[in-house]
Each structure stands twice: as structure tokens, then as C-alpha cells.
Protein backbone atom coordinates (compact mmCIF):
# COMPACT_ATOMS: atom_id res chain seq x y z
CA MET A 1 38.43 -8.12 -7.21
CA PRO A 2 35.73 -9.94 -9.28
CA TYR A 3 34.43 -13.49 -8.85
CA PRO A 4 35.43 -15.79 -7.13
CA GLU A 5 36.10 -13.23 -4.38
CA THR A 6 33.07 -11.07 -5.10
CA GLY A 7 29.73 -11.14 -6.86
CA THR A 8 28.09 -8.33 -8.78
CA GLY A 9 24.46 -7.50 -8.16
CA PHE A 10 21.68 -4.95 -8.23
CA MET A 11 21.42 -3.64 -4.68
CA ILE A 12 19.40 -1.14 -2.69
CA HIS A 13 21.13 1.19 -0.24
CA SER A 14 18.15 2.49 1.73
CA GLN A 15 14.75 1.08 2.62
CA LYS A 16 13.35 4.57 2.07
CA GLU A 17 14.40 4.27 -1.58
CA TRP A 18 13.47 0.66 -2.14
CA THR A 19 13.08 0.94 -5.92
CA ASN A 20 16.49 2.60 -6.35
CA PHE A 21 18.68 -0.34 -7.38
CA LYS A 22 22.36 0.26 -8.10
CA LYS A 23 24.77 -2.21 -9.66
CA GLY A 24 27.73 -2.97 -7.42
CA GLU A 25 30.06 -5.61 -6.02
CA PHE A 26 29.69 -7.53 -2.78
CA LYS A 27 31.93 -9.96 -0.94
CA LEU A 28 31.19 -13.67 -1.14
CA LYS A 29 31.64 -15.74 2.01
CA GLN A 30 34.62 -18.05 2.37
CA PHE A 31 34.28 -21.10 0.09
CA GLU A 32 33.89 -24.37 2.03
CA ASP A 33 34.05 -28.06 1.19
CA ARG A 34 30.29 -28.57 0.65
CA ASP A 35 29.67 -25.27 -1.13
CA VAL A 36 28.43 -24.81 -4.69
CA ASP A 37 28.96 -21.64 -6.72
CA ILE A 38 26.18 -20.84 -9.18
CA ALA A 39 26.48 -18.47 -12.13
CA ILE A 40 22.92 -17.18 -12.14
CA GLU A 41 20.73 -17.43 -15.23
CA CYS A 42 17.46 -16.09 -13.79
CA CYS A 43 15.82 -15.25 -10.49
CA GLY A 44 12.20 -15.11 -9.43
CA VAL A 45 10.87 -12.02 -7.66
CA CYS A 46 9.22 -12.86 -4.35
CA ALA A 47 7.03 -10.76 -2.07
CA SER A 48 9.66 -11.52 0.57
CA ASP A 49 12.07 -9.39 -1.47
CA LEU A 50 9.61 -6.51 -1.37
CA HIS A 51 8.84 -6.81 2.36
CA THR A 52 12.60 -6.83 3.05
CA ILE A 53 13.65 -3.87 0.94
CA ASN A 54 10.72 -1.62 1.88
CA GLY A 55 11.10 -2.23 5.61
CA GLY A 56 7.78 -4.00 6.04
CA TRP A 57 9.50 -6.80 7.92
CA GLY A 58 11.86 -4.50 9.82
CA ASP A 59 15.40 -3.27 9.35
CA ALA A 60 17.80 -5.03 6.98
CA PRO A 61 21.55 -4.59 6.48
CA MET A 62 22.45 -2.21 3.69
CA PRO A 63 23.48 -2.34 0.91
CA LEU A 64 21.47 -5.44 0.09
CA CYS A 65 20.93 -7.65 -2.95
CA VAL A 66 17.72 -9.66 -2.59
CA GLY A 67 16.32 -12.64 -4.53
CA HIS A 68 16.05 -16.26 -3.41
CA GLU A 69 14.48 -18.06 -6.38
CA VAL A 70 17.78 -18.69 -8.13
CA VAL A 71 18.50 -20.84 -11.18
CA GLY A 72 21.86 -21.10 -12.91
CA LYS A 73 24.90 -23.23 -13.74
CA ALA A 74 27.20 -24.77 -11.17
CA VAL A 75 30.65 -23.32 -11.88
CA LYS A 76 32.53 -24.54 -8.80
CA VAL A 77 31.89 -27.32 -6.28
CA GLY A 78 33.63 -28.15 -3.02
CA LYS A 79 35.64 -31.33 -2.59
CA ASP A 80 32.93 -32.99 -0.45
CA VAL A 81 29.99 -32.18 -2.74
CA LYS A 82 28.24 -35.37 -3.90
CA THR A 83 24.98 -34.32 -5.58
CA ILE A 84 26.09 -31.52 -7.94
CA LYS A 85 28.87 -31.35 -10.53
CA VAL A 86 30.29 -28.44 -12.49
CA GLY A 87 28.06 -27.67 -15.48
CA ASP A 88 24.82 -28.89 -13.89
CA ARG A 89 21.79 -26.63 -14.17
CA VAL A 90 20.78 -26.11 -10.57
CA GLU A 91 18.45 -24.15 -8.36
CA GLN A 92 18.97 -22.78 -4.88
CA GLN A 93 16.48 -23.17 -2.06
CA GLN A 94 15.94 -20.76 0.82
CA PRO A 95 17.86 -20.79 3.15
CA SER A 96 21.24 -21.08 1.43
CA ASN A 97 23.44 -22.22 4.29
CA LEU A 98 23.67 -23.21 7.95
CA LYS A 99 25.72 -22.09 10.90
CA THR A 100 26.24 -25.76 11.73
CA ASN A 101 26.41 -28.71 9.37
CA LEU A 102 22.94 -30.32 9.49
CA THR A 103 23.51 -31.55 13.04
CA CYS A 104 20.46 -30.33 14.95
CA SER A 105 17.41 -32.49 15.73
CA ASN A 106 15.25 -30.68 13.17
CA CYS A 107 17.75 -31.29 10.37
CA ALA A 108 18.03 -34.96 11.37
CA ALA A 109 14.24 -35.23 11.01
CA ASP A 110 14.13 -33.60 7.54
CA GLN A 111 12.87 -30.36 9.07
CA GLU A 112 15.87 -28.27 8.05
CA ASN A 113 13.53 -25.47 6.96
CA TYR A 114 12.91 -24.99 10.71
CA CYS A 115 16.57 -25.19 11.69
CA PRO A 116 17.53 -22.52 14.25
CA ASN A 117 20.98 -22.40 12.64
CA ALA A 118 19.73 -21.48 9.17
CA ILE A 119 21.33 -18.60 7.30
CA ASP A 120 18.90 -16.84 5.01
CA THR A 121 19.79 -16.37 1.37
CA TYR A 122 20.19 -12.63 1.85
CA GLY A 123 20.66 -10.22 4.74
CA ALA A 124 22.10 -12.75 7.20
CA PRO A 125 25.60 -12.80 8.74
CA TYR A 126 28.09 -15.63 8.26
CA SER A 127 30.67 -16.48 10.92
CA ASP A 128 33.35 -14.62 8.94
CA GLY A 129 31.25 -11.43 9.10
CA THR A 130 30.12 -11.58 5.48
CA ILE A 131 26.46 -10.69 4.87
CA SER A 132 24.63 -13.11 2.58
CA GLN A 133 23.49 -11.58 -0.71
CA GLY A 134 20.78 -12.85 -3.01
CA GLY A 135 20.02 -13.70 -6.60
CA TYR A 136 19.62 -10.36 -8.37
CA SER A 137 23.30 -10.94 -9.04
CA SER A 138 25.99 -12.64 -11.07
CA HIS A 139 26.84 -15.45 -8.63
CA ILE A 140 25.64 -17.04 -5.42
CA ARG A 141 27.47 -19.42 -3.08
CA VAL A 142 25.31 -22.04 -1.34
CA HIS A 143 25.59 -25.20 0.71
CA GLU A 144 25.13 -28.34 -1.37
CA TYR A 145 22.08 -29.40 0.66
CA PHE A 146 20.17 -26.37 -0.60
CA ALA A 147 21.07 -26.83 -4.28
CA PHE A 148 19.06 -29.07 -6.61
CA LYS A 149 19.38 -30.30 -10.16
CA ILE A 150 16.39 -29.24 -12.27
CA PRO A 151 14.52 -31.79 -14.43
CA GLU A 152 15.42 -31.24 -18.07
CA ASN A 153 11.85 -30.60 -19.21
CA ILE A 154 11.34 -27.62 -16.84
CA PRO A 155 12.67 -24.37 -18.38
CA SER A 156 14.82 -22.27 -16.08
CA ALA A 157 12.49 -19.25 -15.89
CA VAL A 158 9.55 -21.57 -15.19
CA ALA A 159 11.50 -23.40 -12.47
CA ALA A 160 12.63 -20.27 -10.61
CA PRO A 161 9.34 -19.35 -8.86
CA MET A 162 8.83 -22.95 -7.78
CA LEU A 163 11.81 -22.63 -5.43
CA CYS A 164 10.01 -20.37 -2.96
CA ALA A 165 6.41 -19.75 -4.02
CA GLY A 166 5.92 -23.29 -5.27
CA LEU A 167 7.55 -25.05 -2.32
CA THR A 168 5.92 -22.76 0.25
CA VAL A 169 2.48 -24.05 -0.72
CA TYR A 170 3.48 -27.59 -1.73
CA SER A 171 4.77 -28.35 1.77
CA PRO A 172 1.56 -27.58 3.73
CA LEU A 173 -0.64 -29.09 1.01
CA THR A 174 1.08 -32.45 1.38
CA ARG A 175 1.47 -32.26 5.15
CA LEU A 176 -2.23 -31.44 5.56
CA GLY A 177 -3.22 -34.30 3.30
CA ALA A 178 -4.32 -32.81 -0.04
CA GLY A 179 -5.39 -35.68 -2.26
CA PRO A 180 -8.38 -37.64 -3.55
CA GLY A 181 -11.50 -37.13 -1.45
CA LYS A 182 -10.31 -33.85 0.06
CA LYS A 183 -11.87 -30.44 -0.56
CA VAL A 184 -9.25 -27.73 -0.42
CA ALA A 185 -9.81 -23.97 -0.62
CA ILE A 186 -7.05 -21.68 -1.86
CA LEU A 187 -7.45 -18.13 -0.58
CA GLY A 188 -5.87 -15.63 -2.99
CA LEU A 189 -4.83 -16.29 -6.58
CA GLY A 190 -1.41 -14.72 -6.83
CA GLY A 191 2.20 -15.88 -6.92
CA LEU A 192 1.66 -18.39 -4.12
CA GLY A 193 -1.99 -19.13 -4.77
CA HIS A 194 -1.66 -20.10 -8.40
CA PHE A 195 0.87 -22.76 -7.44
CA ALA A 196 -1.39 -23.96 -4.62
CA VAL A 197 -4.24 -24.48 -7.08
CA MET A 198 -2.10 -26.38 -9.57
CA TRP A 199 -0.38 -28.58 -6.97
CA ALA A 200 -3.63 -29.40 -5.17
CA VAL A 201 -5.28 -30.36 -8.45
CA ALA A 202 -2.27 -32.47 -9.42
CA LEU A 203 -2.40 -34.23 -6.04
CA GLY A 204 -6.03 -35.19 -6.71
CA ALA A 205 -7.92 -32.82 -4.42
CA GLU A 206 -11.13 -30.98 -5.28
CA VAL A 207 -10.03 -27.34 -5.38
CA TYR A 208 -11.96 -24.14 -4.71
CA VAL A 209 -10.54 -20.64 -5.11
CA LEU A 210 -11.53 -17.83 -2.73
CA SER A 211 -10.76 -14.42 -4.19
CA HIS A 212 -11.86 -10.80 -4.06
CA SER A 213 -10.88 -10.43 -7.76
CA PRO A 214 -13.67 -11.70 -10.06
CA SER A 215 -11.42 -11.06 -13.07
CA LYS A 216 -9.27 -14.05 -12.08
CA LYS A 217 -12.04 -16.63 -12.41
CA GLU A 218 -11.08 -17.70 -15.93
CA ASP A 219 -7.46 -18.23 -14.89
CA ALA A 220 -8.49 -20.26 -11.85
CA MET A 221 -10.63 -22.56 -13.95
CA LYS A 222 -7.79 -23.04 -16.45
CA MET A 223 -5.58 -24.09 -13.54
CA GLY A 224 -8.08 -26.80 -12.64
CA ALA A 225 -10.25 -25.27 -9.90
CA LYS A 226 -13.72 -26.75 -9.50
CA GLU A 227 -15.28 -23.50 -8.33
CA PHE A 228 -14.39 -19.81 -7.96
CA ILE A 229 -15.89 -18.01 -4.97
CA VAL A 230 -15.92 -14.19 -4.85
CA THR A 231 -15.37 -13.19 -1.23
CA GLY A 232 -16.50 -9.62 -1.84
CA GLU A 233 -20.09 -10.75 -2.24
CA GLU A 234 -22.38 -10.51 0.78
CA ASN A 235 -22.70 -13.74 2.78
CA TRP A 236 -20.39 -15.54 0.33
CA PHE A 237 -19.44 -18.03 3.05
CA LYS A 238 -22.90 -19.27 4.03
CA PRO A 239 -23.39 -21.87 1.24
CA TYR A 240 -20.00 -23.40 2.15
CA ALA A 241 -20.48 -24.07 5.86
CA PHE A 242 -18.51 -27.18 6.96
CA THR A 243 -17.21 -27.74 3.40
CA PHE A 244 -13.41 -27.53 3.30
CA ASP A 245 -10.88 -29.86 4.88
CA PHE A 246 -8.50 -26.92 5.05
CA ILE A 247 -7.84 -23.48 3.60
CA ILE A 248 -4.44 -22.36 2.35
CA ASN A 249 -4.28 -18.59 2.81
CA SER A 250 -1.75 -17.26 0.29
CA THR A 251 -2.56 -13.57 0.70
CA ASP A 252 -0.65 -10.93 2.65
CA ALA A 253 -3.78 -8.91 3.48
CA THR A 254 -5.19 -11.12 6.24
CA HIS A 255 -5.49 -8.11 8.55
CA LYS A 256 -8.44 -6.99 6.41
CA PHE A 257 -10.38 -10.26 6.73
CA ASN A 258 -13.35 -11.22 8.88
CA LEU A 259 -11.69 -14.48 9.89
CA PRO A 260 -14.74 -16.15 11.52
CA ASN A 261 -16.44 -16.11 8.10
CA TYR A 262 -13.58 -18.15 6.70
CA PHE A 263 -13.42 -20.46 9.72
CA SER A 264 -17.12 -21.27 9.25
CA THR A 265 -16.41 -22.93 5.89
CA LEU A 266 -14.10 -25.52 7.48
CA LYS A 267 -15.09 -29.04 8.38
CA VAL A 268 -14.80 -30.13 11.99
CA MET A 269 -11.11 -29.91 12.94
CA GLY A 270 -10.37 -28.05 9.70
CA ARG A 271 -7.37 -25.74 9.49
CA PHE A 272 -6.89 -22.19 8.25
CA HIS A 273 -3.24 -22.26 7.21
CA ASN A 274 -1.24 -19.12 6.41
CA VAL A 275 1.64 -18.99 3.94
CA GLY A 276 1.29 -15.33 2.90
CA PHE A 277 3.05 -13.10 5.41
CA GLY A 278 1.95 -9.47 5.40
CA ASP A 279 3.37 -6.42 7.12
CA GLN A 280 0.40 -6.12 9.51
CA PRO A 281 -0.66 -8.30 12.48
CA LEU A 282 -3.59 -10.67 12.21
CA PRO A 283 -6.99 -9.24 13.14
CA SER A 284 -8.27 -9.70 16.68
CA ILE A 285 -9.99 -13.05 17.18
CA LYS A 286 -11.60 -14.84 20.13
CA ALA A 287 -11.16 -18.43 21.23
CA GLN A 288 -14.85 -19.05 20.64
CA ASP A 289 -14.37 -18.17 16.94
CA PHE A 290 -12.86 -21.67 16.61
CA ALA A 291 -15.36 -23.51 18.77
CA ALA A 292 -18.23 -24.06 16.32
CA ASN A 293 -16.21 -26.56 14.29
CA MET A 294 -13.08 -27.14 16.41
CA SER A 295 -11.07 -25.39 13.70
CA SER A 296 -7.54 -24.08 14.12
CA ILE A 297 -5.13 -21.59 12.57
CA GLY A 298 -1.49 -22.11 11.72
CA SER A 299 1.37 -21.27 9.42
CA SER A 300 4.49 -22.76 7.84
CA HIS A 301 7.83 -21.78 6.33
CA ILE A 302 9.08 -22.86 2.87
CA GLY A 303 9.62 -26.68 2.73
CA ASN A 304 12.30 -29.33 3.16
CA ARG A 305 14.60 -31.08 0.71
CA PRO A 306 12.44 -34.22 0.23
CA GLU A 307 9.43 -31.98 -0.48
CA MET A 308 11.43 -29.97 -3.01
CA LEU A 309 12.46 -33.13 -4.85
CA ALA A 310 8.89 -34.48 -4.82
CA MET A 311 7.50 -31.16 -6.05
CA LEU A 312 9.94 -30.97 -8.96
CA ASP A 313 9.12 -34.57 -9.87
CA LEU A 314 5.40 -33.78 -9.83
CA ALA A 315 5.92 -30.71 -12.03
CA SER A 316 8.05 -32.70 -14.45
CA LYS A 317 5.71 -35.68 -14.74
CA GLN A 318 2.51 -33.63 -15.03
CA ASP A 319 4.05 -30.82 -17.09
CA ILE A 320 3.02 -28.13 -14.60
CA LYS A 321 4.24 -24.67 -15.56
CA SER A 322 4.53 -21.48 -13.52
CA TRP A 323 2.56 -18.55 -14.91
CA ILE A 324 5.30 -15.94 -15.30
CA GLU A 325 6.21 -12.52 -16.66
CA GLU A 326 9.87 -12.23 -17.70
CA ILE A 327 11.72 -8.94 -17.12
CA PRO A 328 15.36 -8.42 -18.23
CA ILE A 329 17.52 -7.73 -15.20
CA SER A 330 18.88 -4.20 -14.85
CA GLU A 331 18.51 -1.32 -12.42
CA GLU A 332 15.29 -0.39 -14.17
CA GLY A 333 14.15 -4.01 -14.51
CA CYS A 334 14.54 -4.73 -10.79
CA ALA A 335 12.60 -1.57 -9.93
CA LYS A 336 9.85 -2.50 -12.38
CA ALA A 337 9.55 -6.02 -10.98
CA VAL A 338 9.29 -5.08 -7.29
CA THR A 339 6.88 -2.27 -8.13
CA LYS A 340 4.60 -4.69 -9.97
CA VAL A 341 4.63 -6.95 -6.90
CA ALA A 342 3.85 -4.00 -4.61
CA GLU A 343 0.94 -2.98 -6.82
CA ASN A 344 -0.36 -6.57 -7.09
CA ASN A 345 0.02 -6.26 -10.85
CA VAL A 346 1.54 -9.63 -11.72
CA ARG A 347 -0.06 -12.72 -13.24
CA TYR A 348 1.38 -14.52 -11.47
CA ARG A 349 5.11 -14.31 -10.86
CA CYS A 350 7.86 -12.01 -12.16
CA VAL A 351 11.16 -13.60 -13.18
CA LEU A 352 14.30 -11.58 -13.86
CA THR A 353 16.12 -12.94 -16.93
CA ASN A 354 18.86 -12.02 -19.46
CA PHE A 355 21.63 -12.21 -16.84
CA ASP A 356 24.36 -12.64 -19.46
CA ALA A 357 23.49 -9.23 -20.90
CA ALA A 358 23.90 -7.66 -17.45
CA PHE A 359 26.89 -9.63 -16.15
CA GLY A 360 28.54 -11.17 -19.20
CA GLN A 361 29.28 -14.83 -19.86
CA ARG A 362 30.37 -16.40 -16.56
CA SER A 363 32.21 -19.56 -15.68
């Protein structure tokens, strides 16, 4: 039976064949009073999708439809939904639902992105046994709290990557104090890093890009960076001792880094903050590697609802645009997109589009 009982999506059936997408139906969870159904218009392609389907982050339930940077039209809303109405252009934030209704202490403190009861957008079980499925699909069913109206001046394909990549770096930037008078280094200029540069500039910080790819210098400067530092050069870090208030590490190759070199560029009590999650563990480090400047290392996960709203407002007011490559969704298109991510061959985010051609007009 088609929607509203099921969605249709491009799914993988084995992590050993992670580029072999097949179009098929999947069951949607039971519709509840605060749920919103979205007929999907486009979906960003995240490295999280790749790490899930190729097994880098461990086993995942099969078959699986990934994708959590979803934009589309609300086609059904529950009776208790207050913020979304049918016909609104909306986006969905990771996670997409909760096992309980925003009742834990983290949710009460606007830390719902750290809620232990969160249900991920794809690959997670609901209480009725249904497995959540993601946005490479015709429809998605989400809790109202994780659905947002998009400012009119942000095109859908441009908005999609902001929902994960954009928010994942916006949250730590603001929590760590990016703004006038701060020197912020962005490590890696990719899907996450290009947003980090643009947000940090928009927030008023002085922004430096650390990259092993000299070919990206021109792009970094266009995004507003003050300086581009090539980390492949010998002793690149020495001129920047005690310079940065914090570093946002957006790469997923941290296991290859000499971390003390990066720590040495931090001011006293500076922070090396990770938002890129690779398949490999961090390199071995010693406690004394932090002692020269009392630096620290940390990480964070996505962002909360107030941060999402603030980020979208910032993008709207300052006309900040994602740098994207659009790929029509299909079995071949999904394979092409995740392969480009795996090969680090994207500047700077893939977005799957043309959903009406794949799934028809939906309402």
C-alpha cells in the first residue's frame, strides 16, 4: 500500500554493496498527534550517510534508506501541531523523533540534541517496531519539534545541507564564542568546513583555514577567510603559536594528524573541537600534550532548535548560500553522490533533487 502507509525510497540492502541502491517501499511509523508528514523535494548527502551504508560506523539494519538533510512540503499535520501547517515548505532536523515527548532534563534545557531518548532519522527502531528511514525517499514522518519552516529567500536545495552540516558547525561556533575579537581556525574545507568559515565570518570572527589542499585557497578567501594555511608544509604551525581561540576540526581524517602541532596554535585554554567523525580512532596523545597552553579537546553533536532558528535567520539576513552540486535522485544518482563523498570529490555538498521525476507529484 502506498503513502500514507508506506514511503518509497532508494535503499541499500548490504553494506558490502553500499553503492547498489534499489528503489523500494518501506513502512512508515504510526502517525501521532504531533507528527508532520513531508513530501520531499530534495535531500542533502551527508558523510554520515556514507559512514552508515559502508559499515564505517558499524552494523545498520537492512534494507536502509539514508538521508537526513530533508526539505519538502508538509502534506499532513497532527491535531496537536502548532508550528507547521499543510502546504508549508519545511525542513527536517536530525533526529526526527523521540521515544518520549520532550520530557527529559536535557530537552527541558534546550539540549534535545543530547537527549538519550532520541530516535535517529534513519536506522533506529520505533516502539511499534518500525525502523526509521531517511530522505532519499518520497516522504518522511517527523515530530513537529524537529521540523522548521524555511525563510522564503533560501532556495530549497541551498537550505538542505544547512540542516546537518550547517547546524553541526554553527552550534559549537556560537557556544565557544565566535564573534568580534576572536580568532577562529577552521580545519578542513569541505561540506562542514565551508559552512564553518561562512558562519564564523558572519558572526564577526577573524577566520583562518587550515587545509592540506592548496587548491582550495581561492574558495576559502571568497568565503571570507583572512588567511589560508597549508598544513602539508613543514613547520606550518610555528608562526601561529598561541594564536587561535579555538579550532573547529571538520575533517574525518584526524587519525592521520600530529595533534600536538595543532594544539600549539591555540591560546591558553584554547579548544580543539571535533565535528567531523571518521571511521578510525583518534591518534595516541599524552596528557602533557595539552599542558603547554592548558588546551583541551572536545566534540559535539548537531545542534538544538534555538540554534537552528538562529542559523536560518543569519543565513537569510546575510544571504549566505551553501556551495552545492545538484544530482537528480535515482539509483544511479544516489550511487554517484555517495561515491563523490567517499572520494572527497565535492565542492562542497551534494544535494539530491528532481524528486517529482522519481516519485511523481505528491500530496
